[in-house]
Amino acid sequence: MFGLSSDKTNARQSTDCINNAIKQAKAEGYTSVKLSPGNYLIRCTGATGYQDWDGIFMPNNITLDLAGVKLYAEPARASIYKIFRIDQVENVTILGGHLIGDRGEDVSHNSGCGVEINCSRNITIDGMKIENIQGTAVWIGYGFIAPDKHRLNKNIKILHCELSDCSML
């Protein structure tokens, strides 16, 4: 529907299509999105890791079903990468899926992250497999600004996940 390549090609197009599908579902009042099974290459790099155009961004009040889905971080020479970004949102659930980083490939970045959770509430990651991340499988933090009561994470659940071959678990 969105021109999504499920054959581990076209990282830019795949990343944009997934983000656009989530945005459109949200705009149309849906609370869940199911990605078709396949192998998707994700553009998730950036000089600081916070560019709006890279990685998959989760909005408020959405469930993303990734059963049968493999998401591969596109190997790149950047300082950081993050496949999923859950930043300053609430009521987000990601079900299943398999995230595969670029650890062991010819890359020169400092760190990667499968799922980054910042300043968010009521977040559940359930049944996800995360491997080969050159960095952290799941990072739960508060960004680069000193925390206050509005910037702290609350009610974060990481359930039934398998994390392996990452530099930091």
N, C-alpha and C. Protein backbone atom coordinates (compact mmCIF):
# COMPACT_ATOMS: atom_id res chain seq x y z
N MET A 1 0.83 -1.21 0.00
CA MET A 1 0.00 0.00 0.00
C MET A 1 0.86 1.26 0.00
N PHE A 2 1.92 1.26 0.78
CA PHE A 2 2.76 2.46 0.88
C PHE A 2 4.04 2.34 0.06
N GLY A 3 4.15 1.31 -0.79
CA GLY A 3 5.35 1.10 -1.58
C GLY A 3 6.49 0.52 -0.76
N LEU A 4 6.15 -0.25 0.25
CA LEU A 4 7.12 -0.80 1.18
C LEU A 4 7.82 -2.01 0.57
N SER A 5 9.14 -2.02 0.59
CA SER A 5 9.93 -3.15 0.10
C SER A 5 10.19 -4.11 1.25
N SER A 6 9.69 -5.34 1.13
CA SER A 6 9.85 -6.32 2.21
C SER A 6 10.98 -7.30 1.92
N ASP A 7 11.93 -6.88 1.09
CA ASP A 7 13.02 -7.77 0.68
C ASP A 7 14.39 -7.26 1.12
N LYS A 8 14.42 -6.47 2.18
CA LYS A 8 15.67 -5.95 2.77
C LYS A 8 16.43 -5.05 1.79
N THR A 9 15.67 -4.23 1.05
CA THR A 9 16.26 -3.24 0.15
C THR A 9 15.61 -1.89 0.43
N ASN A 10 16.11 -0.85 -0.18
CA ASN A 10 15.50 0.49 -0.13
C ASN A 10 15.25 1.00 1.28
N ALA A 11 16.33 1.17 2.04
CA ALA A 11 16.21 1.59 3.45
C ALA A 11 15.45 2.90 3.61
N ARG A 12 15.78 3.89 2.82
CA ARG A 12 15.11 5.19 2.95
C ARG A 12 13.61 5.04 2.71
N GLN A 13 13.25 4.35 1.63
CA GLN A 13 11.84 4.17 1.29
C GLN A 13 11.11 3.34 2.35
N SER A 14 11.74 2.27 2.84
CA SER A 14 11.11 1.43 3.86
C SER A 14 10.86 2.21 5.13
N THR A 15 11.86 2.96 5.56
CA THR A 15 11.73 3.76 6.79
C THR A 15 10.61 4.78 6.66
N ASP A 16 10.60 5.50 5.55
CA ASP A 16 9.56 6.51 5.32
C ASP A 16 8.18 5.87 5.24
N CYS A 17 8.07 4.73 4.56
CA CYS A 17 6.78 4.06 4.42
C CYS A 17 6.22 3.61 5.76
N ILE A 18 7.07 3.03 6.60
CA ILE A 18 6.61 2.57 7.91
C ILE A 18 6.16 3.76 8.75
N ASN A 19 6.97 4.82 8.79
CA ASN A 19 6.58 6.01 9.55
C ASN A 19 5.30 6.63 9.01
N ASN A 20 5.16 6.69 7.69
CA ASN A 20 3.95 7.26 7.09
C ASN A 20 2.72 6.41 7.37
N ALA A 21 2.87 5.08 7.35
CA ALA A 21 1.73 4.20 7.66
C ALA A 21 1.26 4.41 9.10
N ILE A 22 2.21 4.54 10.01
CA ILE A 22 1.85 4.78 11.41
C ILE A 22 1.16 6.13 11.55
N LYS A 23 1.70 7.17 10.92
CA LYS A 23 1.10 8.51 10.98
C LYS A 23 -0.31 8.51 10.39
N GLN A 24 -0.48 7.85 9.24
CA GLN A 24 -1.79 7.84 8.60
C GLN A 24 -2.81 7.08 9.45
N ALA A 25 -2.41 5.95 10.00
CA ALA A 25 -3.32 5.20 10.87
C ALA A 25 -3.76 6.05 12.05
N LYS A 26 -2.80 6.75 12.65
CA LYS A 26 -3.10 7.65 13.77
C LYS A 26 -4.09 8.73 13.35
N ALA A 27 -3.82 9.36 12.20
CA ALA A 27 -4.67 10.44 11.70
C ALA A 27 -6.09 9.96 11.42
N GLU A 28 -6.23 8.70 11.05
CA GLU A 28 -7.54 8.14 10.74
C GLU A 28 -8.22 7.52 11.97
N GLY A 29 -7.60 7.68 13.14
CA GLY A 29 -8.21 7.24 14.38
C GLY A 29 -7.93 5.80 14.78
N TYR A 30 -7.05 5.12 14.09
CA TYR A 30 -6.70 3.76 14.47
C TYR A 30 -5.75 3.78 15.66
N THR A 31 -5.81 2.72 16.47
CA THR A 31 -4.92 2.62 17.62
C THR A 31 -3.92 1.48 17.48
N SER A 32 -4.01 0.75 16.36
CA SER A 32 -3.01 -0.29 16.13
C SER A 32 -2.67 -0.40 14.65
N VAL A 33 -1.43 -0.82 14.40
CA VAL A 33 -0.92 -1.00 13.05
C VAL A 33 -0.23 -2.35 13.02
N LYS A 34 -0.49 -3.14 11.98
CA LYS A 34 0.20 -4.42 11.80
C LYS A 34 1.02 -4.33 10.53
N LEU A 35 2.31 -4.52 10.68
CA LEU A 35 3.20 -4.52 9.54
C LEU A 35 3.20 -5.91 8.92
N SER A 36 3.14 -6.00 7.60
CA SER A 36 3.15 -7.29 6.91
C SER A 36 4.49 -7.99 7.15
N PRO A 37 4.46 -9.31 7.31
CA PRO A 37 5.71 -10.04 7.50
C PRO A 37 6.68 -9.78 6.35
N GLY A 38 7.95 -9.71 6.68
CA GLY A 38 8.98 -9.47 5.68
C GLY A 38 10.26 -9.01 6.33
N ASN A 39 11.24 -8.72 5.49
CA ASN A 39 12.55 -8.25 5.92
C ASN A 39 12.71 -6.81 5.46
N TYR A 40 12.76 -5.87 6.39
CA TYR A 40 12.79 -4.45 6.07
C TYR A 40 14.12 -3.84 6.49
N LEU A 41 14.75 -3.13 5.59
CA LEU A 41 15.99 -2.42 5.88
C LEU A 41 15.63 -1.02 6.35
N ILE A 42 16.13 -0.62 7.52
CA ILE A 42 15.74 0.65 8.14
C ILE A 42 16.91 1.63 8.14
N ARG A 43 16.67 2.82 7.62
CA ARG A 43 17.64 3.92 7.71
C ARG A 43 17.48 4.50 9.10
N CYS A 44 18.52 4.37 9.90
CA CYS A 44 18.39 4.80 11.30
C CYS A 44 19.65 5.46 11.82
N THR A 45 20.37 6.15 10.95
CA THR A 45 21.62 6.77 11.38
C THR A 45 21.49 8.29 11.39
N GLY A 46 22.42 8.91 12.04
CA GLY A 46 22.46 10.36 12.08
C GLY A 46 23.64 10.82 12.90
N ALA A 47 24.10 12.02 12.66
CA ALA A 47 25.27 12.54 13.37
C ALA A 47 25.07 12.53 14.87
N THR A 48 23.87 12.85 15.33
CA THR A 48 23.60 12.84 16.75
C THR A 48 22.61 11.75 17.13
N GLY A 49 21.96 11.16 16.17
CA GLY A 49 20.97 10.14 16.46
C GLY A 49 19.57 10.69 16.66
N TYR A 50 19.38 11.99 16.47
CA TYR A 50 18.07 12.58 16.72
C TYR A 50 17.47 13.27 15.50
N GLN A 51 17.89 12.91 14.31
CA GLN A 51 17.28 13.49 13.12
C GLN A 51 15.87 12.94 12.97
N ASP A 52 14.96 13.78 12.52
CA ASP A 52 13.56 13.38 12.38
C ASP A 52 13.33 12.39 11.25
N TRP A 53 14.26 12.26 10.35
CA TRP A 53 14.02 11.45 9.16
C TRP A 53 14.59 10.04 9.26
N ASP A 54 15.23 9.69 10.35
CA ASP A 54 15.83 8.36 10.46
C ASP A 54 15.28 7.60 11.66
N GLY A 55 15.08 6.31 11.49
CA GLY A 55 14.51 5.47 12.53
C GLY A 55 12.99 5.48 12.46
N ILE A 56 12.39 4.60 13.25
CA ILE A 56 10.93 4.53 13.31
C ILE A 56 10.47 5.24 14.57
N PHE A 57 9.60 6.22 14.40
CA PHE A 57 9.11 7.04 15.49
C PHE A 57 7.72 6.58 15.91
N MET A 58 7.54 6.36 17.20
CA MET A 58 6.25 5.93 17.71
C MET A 58 5.50 7.11 18.31
N PRO A 59 4.26 7.34 17.88
CA PRO A 59 3.44 8.41 18.45
C PRO A 59 2.68 7.91 19.69
N ASN A 60 1.95 8.78 20.32
CA ASN A 60 1.09 8.44 21.45
C ASN A 60 0.01 7.44 21.05
N ASN A 61 -0.39 6.62 22.01
CA ASN A 61 -1.59 5.79 21.92
C ASN A 61 -1.64 4.90 20.68
N ILE A 62 -0.58 4.10 20.49
CA ILE A 62 -0.54 3.22 19.32
C ILE A 62 0.09 1.89 19.70
N THR A 63 -0.41 0.82 19.08
CA THR A 63 0.18 -0.51 19.19
C THR A 63 0.70 -0.88 17.81
N LEU A 64 1.94 -1.35 17.75
CA LEU A 64 2.54 -1.79 16.51
C LEU A 64 2.81 -3.28 16.61
N ASP A 65 2.17 -4.06 15.74
CA ASP A 65 2.31 -5.51 15.72
C ASP A 65 3.34 -5.88 14.65
N LEU A 66 4.45 -6.48 15.09
CA LEU A 66 5.54 -6.84 14.19
C LEU A 66 5.71 -8.35 14.05
N ALA A 67 4.66 -9.13 14.27
CA ALA A 67 4.77 -10.59 14.14
C ALA A 67 5.24 -10.94 12.73
N GLY A 68 6.31 -11.73 12.65
CA GLY A 68 6.83 -12.14 11.35
C GLY A 68 7.69 -11.11 10.64
N VAL A 69 8.03 -10.04 11.35
CA VAL A 69 8.78 -8.92 10.76
C VAL A 69 10.22 -8.92 11.27
N LYS A 70 11.17 -8.74 10.35
CA LYS A 70 12.57 -8.51 10.71
C LYS A 70 12.94 -7.12 10.22
N LEU A 71 13.47 -6.31 11.14
CA LEU A 71 13.93 -4.96 10.81
C LEU A 71 15.44 -4.93 10.95
N TYR A 72 16.13 -4.60 9.87
CA TYR A 72 17.59 -4.57 9.85
C TYR A 72 18.07 -3.12 9.85
N ALA A 73 19.01 -2.80 10.73
CA ALA A 73 19.65 -1.49 10.70
C ALA A 73 20.53 -1.43 9.46
N GLU A 74 20.35 -0.41 8.66
CA GLU A 74 21.19 -0.24 7.48
C GLU A 74 22.61 0.07 7.94
N PRO A 75 23.59 -0.73 7.53
CA PRO A 75 24.97 -0.42 7.92
C PRO A 75 25.39 0.93 7.36
N ALA A 76 26.00 1.74 8.20
CA ALA A 76 26.40 3.08 7.77
C ALA A 76 27.56 3.56 8.61
N ARG A 77 28.23 4.56 8.12
CA ARG A 77 29.34 5.16 8.86
C ARG A 77 28.85 6.46 9.51
N ALA A 78 28.14 6.32 10.59
CA ALA A 78 27.65 7.47 11.35
C ALA A 78 27.95 7.22 12.82
N SER A 79 27.84 8.23 13.63
CA SER A 79 28.23 8.09 15.03
C SER A 79 27.25 7.27 15.85
N ILE A 80 26.01 7.20 15.42
CA ILE A 80 24.98 6.57 16.25
C ILE A 80 23.84 6.07 15.37
N TYR A 81 23.11 5.05 15.83
CA TYR A 81 21.86 4.68 15.16
C TYR A 81 20.85 4.19 16.18
N LYS A 82 19.58 4.35 15.85
CA LYS A 82 18.47 3.90 16.69
C LYS A 82 17.38 3.41 15.75
N ILE A 83 16.99 2.14 15.90
CA ILE A 83 15.95 1.60 15.02
C ILE A 83 14.59 2.16 15.42
N PHE A 84 14.24 2.07 16.72
CA PHE A 84 12.97 2.63 17.22
C PHE A 84 13.26 3.79 18.15
N ARG A 85 12.43 4.82 18.04
CA ARG A 85 12.51 5.97 18.94
C ARG A 85 11.15 6.20 19.58
N ILE A 86 11.15 6.09 20.88
CA ILE A 86 9.94 6.32 21.66
C ILE A 86 10.29 7.48 22.57
N ASP A 87 9.90 8.68 22.17
CA ASP A 87 10.40 9.89 22.80
C ASP A 87 9.24 10.82 23.17
N GLN A 88 9.07 11.04 24.47
CA GLN A 88 8.07 11.96 24.99
C GLN A 88 6.66 11.59 24.53
N VAL A 89 6.34 10.28 24.64
CA VAL A 89 5.00 9.80 24.28
C VAL A 89 4.47 8.92 25.39
N GLU A 90 3.22 8.52 25.25
CA GLU A 90 2.62 7.62 26.23
C GLU A 90 1.72 6.61 25.53
N ASN A 91 1.49 5.50 26.23
CA ASN A 91 0.59 4.45 25.76
C ASN A 91 1.02 3.87 24.42
N VAL A 92 2.24 3.34 24.39
CA VAL A 92 2.80 2.72 23.19
C VAL A 92 3.12 1.26 23.50
N THR A 93 2.73 0.38 22.58
CA THR A 93 3.05 -1.04 22.69
C THR A 93 3.64 -1.51 21.36
N ILE A 94 4.73 -2.26 21.45
CA ILE A 94 5.29 -2.92 20.27
C ILE A 94 5.28 -4.40 20.57
N LEU A 95 4.61 -5.17 19.70
CA LEU A 95 4.46 -6.61 19.88
C LEU A 95 5.31 -7.36 18.87
N GLY A 96 6.15 -8.26 19.36
CA GLY A 96 6.94 -9.12 18.48
C GLY A 96 7.98 -8.36 17.69
N GLY A 97 8.41 -9.01 16.62
CA GLY A 97 9.42 -8.42 15.75
C GLY A 97 10.81 -8.88 16.11
N HIS A 98 11.70 -8.68 15.17
CA HIS A 98 13.10 -9.09 15.31
C HIS A 98 13.94 -7.95 14.78
N LEU A 99 14.70 -7.30 15.65
CA LEU A 99 15.59 -6.20 15.27
C LEU A 99 17.01 -6.73 15.14
N ILE A 100 17.66 -6.41 14.02
CA ILE A 100 19.00 -6.90 13.76
C ILE A 100 19.89 -5.71 13.44
N GLY A 101 20.91 -5.51 14.26
CA GLY A 101 21.83 -4.39 14.08
C GLY A 101 22.96 -4.74 13.13
N ASP A 102 23.98 -3.89 13.14
CA ASP A 102 25.10 -4.06 12.20
C ASP A 102 26.40 -4.39 12.92
N ARG A 103 26.32 -4.91 14.11
CA ARG A 103 27.53 -5.29 14.85
C ARG A 103 28.30 -6.34 14.07
N GLY A 104 29.59 -6.15 13.97
CA GLY A 104 30.43 -7.09 13.25
C GLY A 104 30.61 -6.75 11.78
N GLU A 105 29.87 -5.77 11.28
CA GLU A 105 30.04 -5.35 9.90
C GLU A 105 31.07 -4.22 9.86
N ASP A 106 31.49 -3.84 8.69
CA ASP A 106 32.51 -2.80 8.53
C ASP A 106 31.88 -1.42 8.71
N VAL A 107 31.67 -1.03 9.97
CA VAL A 107 31.09 0.27 10.29
C VAL A 107 31.98 0.97 11.30
N SER A 108 31.82 2.27 11.42
CA SER A 108 32.70 3.01 12.33
C SER A 108 31.94 3.90 13.31
N HIS A 109 30.69 3.59 13.59
CA HIS A 109 29.95 4.42 14.54
C HIS A 109 30.29 4.03 15.97
N ASN A 110 29.93 4.91 16.89
CA ASN A 110 30.22 4.69 18.30
C ASN A 110 29.23 3.76 18.97
N SER A 111 27.96 3.90 18.62
CA SER A 111 26.95 3.18 19.36
C SER A 111 25.66 3.05 18.56
N GLY A 112 24.94 1.98 18.83
CA GLY A 112 23.63 1.78 18.24
C GLY A 112 22.63 1.47 19.33
N CYS A 113 21.38 1.40 18.93
CA CYS A 113 20.32 1.11 19.88
C CYS A 113 19.16 0.47 19.12
N GLY A 114 18.64 -0.63 19.64
CA GLY A 114 17.48 -1.25 19.03
C GLY A 114 16.22 -0.43 19.31
N VAL A 115 15.96 -0.17 20.58
CA VAL A 115 14.79 0.62 21.00
C VAL A 115 15.26 1.65 22.01
N GLU A 116 14.99 2.91 21.72
CA GLU A 116 15.32 3.98 22.65
C GLU A 116 14.01 4.53 23.24
N ILE A 117 13.96 4.62 24.57
CA ILE A 117 12.78 5.14 25.26
C ILE A 117 13.23 6.32 26.11
N ASN A 118 12.68 7.49 25.83
CA ASN A 118 13.02 8.72 26.55
C ASN A 118 11.76 9.41 27.05
N CYS A 119 11.75 9.80 28.29
CA CYS A 119 10.72 10.70 28.83
C CYS A 119 9.31 10.25 28.44
N SER A 120 9.02 8.97 28.59
CA SER A 120 7.75 8.42 28.13
C SER A 120 7.06 7.64 29.25
N ARG A 121 5.77 7.38 29.04
CA ARG A 121 4.96 6.68 30.05
C ARG A 121 4.14 5.58 29.40
N ASN A 122 3.93 4.52 30.17
CA ASN A 122 3.07 3.41 29.74
C ASN A 122 3.53 2.82 28.41
N ILE A 123 4.77 2.34 28.42
CA ILE A 123 5.39 1.77 27.23
C ILE A 123 5.59 0.27 27.47
N THR A 124 5.20 -0.55 26.50
CA THR A 124 5.39 -2.00 26.58
C THR A 124 6.06 -2.50 25.32
N ILE A 125 7.16 -3.22 25.51
CA ILE A 125 7.82 -3.94 24.42
C ILE A 125 7.67 -5.41 24.78
N ASP A 126 6.96 -6.18 23.97
CA ASP A 126 6.61 -7.56 24.34
C ASP A 126 6.96 -8.52 23.20
N GLY A 127 7.79 -9.52 23.53
CA GLY A 127 8.07 -10.59 22.59
C GLY A 127 9.00 -10.22 21.45
N MET A 128 9.83 -9.24 21.64
CA MET A 128 10.75 -8.79 20.59
C MET A 128 12.10 -9.49 20.75
N LYS A 129 12.70 -9.82 19.62
CA LYS A 129 14.07 -10.34 19.62
C LYS A 129 14.96 -9.22 19.09
N ILE A 130 16.06 -8.94 19.82
CA ILE A 130 17.00 -7.88 19.42
C ILE A 130 18.40 -8.47 19.45
N GLU A 131 19.11 -8.35 18.32
CA GLU A 131 20.45 -8.92 18.28
C GLU A 131 21.38 -8.09 17.39
N ASN A 132 22.67 -8.31 17.63
CA ASN A 132 23.75 -7.70 16.83
C ASN A 132 23.74 -6.18 16.83
N ILE A 133 23.33 -5.58 17.92
CA ILE A 133 23.37 -4.13 18.04
C ILE A 133 24.76 -3.72 18.53
N GLN A 134 25.41 -2.82 17.84
CA GLN A 134 26.69 -2.28 18.28
C GLN A 134 26.37 -1.18 19.31
N GLY A 135 25.97 -1.61 20.48
CA GLY A 135 25.55 -0.69 21.53
C GLY A 135 24.51 -1.36 22.39
N THR A 136 23.41 -0.69 22.65
CA THR A 136 22.40 -1.11 23.60
C THR A 136 21.17 -1.69 22.92
N ALA A 137 20.71 -2.84 23.37
CA ALA A 137 19.49 -3.44 22.83
C ALA A 137 18.30 -2.52 23.10
N VAL A 138 18.10 -2.17 24.37
CA VAL A 138 17.01 -1.26 24.78
C VAL A 138 17.63 -0.22 25.70
N TRP A 139 17.45 1.04 25.38
CA TRP A 139 17.99 2.13 26.20
C TRP A 139 16.81 2.91 26.78
N ILE A 140 16.80 3.04 28.09
CA ILE A 140 15.75 3.79 28.77
C ILE A 140 16.43 4.96 29.46
N GLY A 141 16.11 6.16 29.03
CA GLY A 141 16.79 7.33 29.57
C GLY A 141 15.90 8.55 29.58
N TYR A 142 16.52 9.70 29.74
CA TYR A 142 15.78 10.95 29.81
C TYR A 142 16.35 12.00 28.89
N GLY A 143 17.08 11.63 27.90
CA GLY A 143 17.64 12.60 26.97
C GLY A 143 18.84 13.30 27.56
N PHE A 144 19.19 14.40 26.98
CA PHE A 144 20.40 15.11 27.37
C PHE A 144 20.12 16.28 28.31
N ILE A 145 18.88 16.52 28.65
CA ILE A 145 18.51 17.61 29.54
C ILE A 145 18.30 17.03 30.93
N ALA A 146 18.73 17.75 31.95
CA ALA A 146 18.58 17.27 33.32
C ALA A 146 17.13 16.88 33.59
N PRO A 147 16.93 15.74 34.24
CA PRO A 147 15.56 15.26 34.46
C PRO A 147 14.80 16.11 35.46
N ASP A 148 13.51 16.19 35.24
CA ASP A 148 12.59 16.71 36.23
C ASP A 148 11.39 15.76 36.21
N LYS A 149 10.39 16.03 37.02
CA LYS A 149 9.29 15.06 37.13
C LYS A 149 8.54 14.86 35.82
N HIS A 150 8.63 15.80 34.88
CA HIS A 150 7.94 15.65 33.60
C HIS A 150 8.78 14.92 32.56
N ARG A 151 10.06 14.73 32.83
CA ARG A 151 10.95 14.11 31.86
C ARG A 151 11.31 12.67 32.23
N LEU A 152 10.82 12.19 33.35
CA LEU A 152 11.16 10.84 33.77
C LEU A 152 10.24 9.81 33.11
N ASN A 153 10.79 8.64 32.83
CA ASN A 153 9.99 7.53 32.31
C ASN A 153 9.15 6.95 33.44
N LYS A 154 7.98 6.41 33.07
CA LYS A 154 7.12 5.80 34.07
C LYS A 154 6.38 4.63 33.44
N ASN A 155 6.32 3.52 34.16
CA ASN A 155 5.60 2.33 33.73
C ASN A 155 6.11 1.79 32.39
N ILE A 156 7.39 1.47 32.36
CA ILE A 156 8.02 0.88 31.18
C ILE A 156 8.10 -0.63 31.40
N LYS A 157 7.59 -1.41 30.45
CA LYS A 157 7.60 -2.87 30.58
C LYS A 157 8.32 -3.48 29.38
N ILE A 158 9.34 -4.28 29.67
CA ILE A 158 10.06 -5.05 28.66
C ILE A 158 9.77 -6.51 28.99
N LEU A 159 8.92 -7.16 28.20
CA LEU A 159 8.42 -8.48 28.52
C LEU A 159 8.77 -9.51 27.45
N HIS A 160 9.14 -10.70 27.87
CA HIS A 160 9.32 -11.84 26.97
C HIS A 160 10.21 -11.52 25.77
N CYS A 161 11.25 -10.75 25.98
CA CYS A 161 12.15 -10.37 24.90
C CYS A 161 13.42 -11.21 24.97
N GLU A 162 14.04 -11.38 23.83
CA GLU A 162 15.32 -12.08 23.74
C GLU A 162 16.35 -11.09 23.22
N LEU A 163 17.36 -10.81 24.03
CA LEU A 163 18.40 -9.85 23.68
C LEU A 163 19.72 -10.61 23.59
N SER A 164 20.41 -10.49 22.45
CA SER A 164 21.67 -11.22 22.32
C SER A 164 22.64 -10.54 21.38
N ASP A 165 23.92 -10.83 21.60
CA ASP A 165 25.00 -10.34 20.75
C ASP A 165 24.99 -8.83 20.56
N CYS A 166 24.69 -8.13 21.63
CA CYS A 166 24.75 -6.68 21.64
C CYS A 166 25.95 -6.27 22.50
N SER A 167 26.54 -5.11 22.22
CA SER A 167 27.70 -4.68 23.00
C SER A 167 27.33 -4.45 24.44
N MET A 168 26.13 -3.90 24.68
CA MET A 168 25.63 -3.66 26.03
C MET A 168 24.19 -4.14 26.10
N LEU A 169 23.88 -4.94 27.08
CA LEU A 169 22.51 -5.39 27.26
C LEU A 169 21.92 -4.62 28.39
